């Protein structure tokens, strides 16, 4: 876990990545298949998906503290796909007690072979960013 908040938000060492194996059952409707609470205030950065083979349609969504960070992201056979993030910054930021959750939707025939979702997040705020309740600093 990263504890020093005096880091650049673009430094490669700032973010953490989690690779989640996905082999969902058929007929899931936005079912949580994975959840994790980082234990520090964070900002969600990126979601990527990959599968070796797919039948039907399988999509995923990512929520941060119950807010939608990614919705309707598709798996594509044999290709890594970057999912579109919410344009609302508040949907991408979570407190130390909020969880990141992966939800899967598969249609009546949706199935994956060797499906993976990689989620990336980092501590927030870090150097140069204002956290909630921060005002002008007086020295």
Protein backbone atom coordinates (compact mmCIF):
# COMPACT_ATOMS: atom_id res chain seq x y z
CA UNK A 1 0.00 0.00 0.00
CA UNK A 2 1.22 3.48 -0.84
CA UNK A 3 1.21 5.81 2.14
CA UNK A 4 3.19 8.86 0.96
CA UNK A 5 0.79 11.34 -0.61
CA UNK A 6 3.64 13.61 -1.75
CA UNK A 7 3.93 11.79 -5.10
CA UNK A 8 3.16 12.92 -8.63
CA UNK A 9 -0.25 11.66 -9.82
CA UNK A 10 1.35 10.59 -13.12
CA UNK A 11 4.23 8.60 -11.58
CA UNK A 12 4.05 4.96 -12.65
CA UNK A 13 4.73 3.76 -9.10
CA UNK A 14 1.68 5.59 -7.77
CA UNK A 15 -0.96 3.26 -9.21
CA UNK A 16 -1.95 -0.28 -8.28
CA UNK A 17 -3.29 -2.87 -10.74
CA UNK A 18 -5.50 -5.86 -10.03
CA UNK A 19 -6.00 -8.67 -12.58
CA UNK A 20 -9.34 -10.46 -12.14
CA UNK A 21 -9.99 -13.78 -13.88
CA UNK A 22 -13.53 -13.95 -15.27
CA UNK A 23 -15.38 -17.10 -16.30
CA UNK A 24 -18.96 -16.02 -15.57
CA UNK A 25 -22.06 -18.16 -15.65
CA UNK A 26 -24.72 -17.64 -18.32
CA UNK A 27 -27.69 -15.30 -17.66
CA UNK A 28 -26.07 -12.94 -15.18
CA UNK A 29 -27.59 -9.47 -14.94
CA UNK A 30 -25.18 -6.97 -13.41
CA UNK A 31 -24.01 -9.47 -10.79
CA UNK A 32 -21.04 -8.53 -8.56
CA UNK A 33 -18.29 -11.11 -9.12
CA UNK A 34 -15.45 -9.29 -7.33
CA UNK A 35 -15.14 -6.50 -4.76
CA UNK A 36 -12.18 -4.89 -3.01
CA UNK A 37 -11.76 -2.07 -0.50
CA UNK A 38 -8.30 -0.49 -0.91
CA UNK A 39 -8.26 0.95 2.63
CA UNK A 40 -7.20 4.44 1.49
CA UNK A 41 -8.88 7.27 -0.41
CA UNK A 42 -8.39 6.50 -4.10
CA UNK A 43 -9.10 7.48 -7.68
CA UNK A 44 -10.05 4.83 -10.24
CA UNK A 45 -7.89 5.21 -13.39
CA UNK A 46 -8.51 2.48 -15.93
CA UNK A 47 -10.29 -0.78 -16.77
CA UNK A 48 -9.07 -3.15 -19.49
CA UNK A 49 -10.59 -6.43 -20.60
CA UNK A 50 -9.37 -9.45 -22.58
CA UNK A 51 -10.65 -12.91 -23.40
CA UNK A 52 -9.30 -15.74 -25.49
CA UNK A 53 -12.73 -16.72 -26.77
CA UNK A 54 -16.31 -15.52 -26.31
CA UNK A 55 -19.74 -16.83 -27.23
CA UNK A 56 -22.71 -14.45 -27.22
CA UNK A 57 -22.28 -11.13 -25.43
CA UNK A 58 -20.60 -10.50 -22.08
CA UNK A 59 -20.21 -7.00 -20.65
CA UNK A 60 -18.91 -5.61 -17.39
CA UNK A 61 -19.35 -2.56 -15.22
CA UNK A 62 -17.23 -1.15 -12.41
CA UNK A 63 -18.66 0.70 -9.44
CA UNK A 64 -16.84 2.78 -6.85
CA UNK A 65 -18.75 3.02 -3.60
CA UNK A 66 -21.97 2.18 -5.49
CA UNK A 67 -21.41 4.91 -8.12
CA UNK A 68 -20.89 3.86 -11.75
CA UNK A 69 -17.28 4.33 -12.91
CA UNK A 70 -17.53 2.09 -16.02
CA UNK A 71 -20.69 0.79 -17.68
CA UNK A 72 -21.43 -1.52 -20.61
CA UNK A 73 -17.78 -2.38 -21.32
CA UNK A 74 -17.44 -5.24 -23.80
CA UNK A 75 -15.15 -8.22 -23.91
CA UNK A 76 -13.66 -8.77 -27.39
CA UNK A 77 -12.17 -12.09 -28.49
CA UNK A 78 -8.39 -11.97 -28.73
CA UNK A 79 -8.05 -8.22 -28.12
CA UNK A 80 -7.38 -6.05 -25.10
CA UNK A 81 -9.99 -3.32 -24.83
CA UNK A 82 -9.82 -0.14 -22.72
CA UNK A 83 -13.20 0.70 -21.21
CA UNK A 84 -14.57 4.25 -21.21
CA UNK A 85 -14.61 5.87 -17.77
CA UNK A 86 -17.38 8.02 -16.35
CA UNK A 87 -16.98 11.70 -17.19
CA UNK A 88 -18.04 12.57 -13.63
CA UNK A 89 -14.92 12.68 -11.43
CA UNK A 90 -16.93 11.98 -8.25
CA UNK A 91 -17.85 8.56 -9.74
CA UNK A 92 -14.13 7.67 -9.98
CA UNK A 93 -13.10 8.64 -6.44
CA UNK A 94 -13.66 6.63 -3.31
CA UNK A 95 -13.02 6.98 0.41
CA UNK A 96 -10.94 4.56 2.47
CA UNK A 97 -14.11 2.63 3.36
CA UNK A 98 -15.62 2.42 -0.15
CA UNK A 99 -15.19 -0.63 -2.39
CA UNK A 100 -14.39 -1.11 -6.05
CA UNK A 101 -16.77 -3.72 -7.50
CA UNK A 102 -16.79 -5.62 -10.81
CA UNK A 103 -20.25 -6.53 -12.12
CA UNK A 104 -20.80 -8.94 -15.03
CA UNK A 105 -23.74 -9.23 -17.43
CA UNK A 106 -24.02 -12.21 -19.76
CA UNK A 107 -26.94 -12.88 -22.10
CA UNK A 108 -28.65 -16.26 -22.53
CA UNK A 109 -25.60 -17.67 -24.34
CA UNK A 110 -22.81 -15.39 -23.07
CA UNK A 111 -19.67 -17.26 -22.07
CA UNK A 112 -15.96 -16.41 -21.83
CA UNK A 113 -12.81 -18.48 -22.09
CA UNK A 114 -9.85 -17.08 -20.16
CA UNK A 115 -11.52 -13.72 -19.51
CA UNK A 116 -9.61 -11.08 -17.57
CA UNK A 117 -10.32 -7.57 -16.35
CA UNK A 118 -7.44 -5.40 -15.15
CA UNK A 119 -8.45 -2.53 -12.86
CA UNK A 120 -6.06 0.32 -12.05
CA UNK A 121 -6.40 2.84 -9.22
CA UNK A 122 -4.18 5.15 -7.15
CA UNK A 123 -4.25 7.03 -3.85
CA UNK A 124 -6.10 10.35 -3.91
CA UNK A 125 -5.23 13.12 -3.28
CA UNK A 126 -1.51 13.14 -4.09
CA UNK A 127 0.90 16.03 -4.72
CA UNK A 128 -0.80 19.04 -6.29
CA UNK A 129 -4.36 17.78 -5.81
CA UNK A 130 -6.92 19.13 -3.35
CA UNK A 131 -8.78 16.66 -1.21
CA UNK A 132 -12.31 17.08 0.08
CA UNK A 133 -12.53 20.00 2.47
CA UNK A 134 -9.14 21.44 1.49
CA UNK A 135 -9.07 25.18 1.38
CA UNK A 136 -6.29 27.67 0.73
CA UNK A 137 -3.23 26.83 2.77
CA UNK A 138 -1.93 29.47 5.13
CA UNK A 139 1.72 29.37 6.09
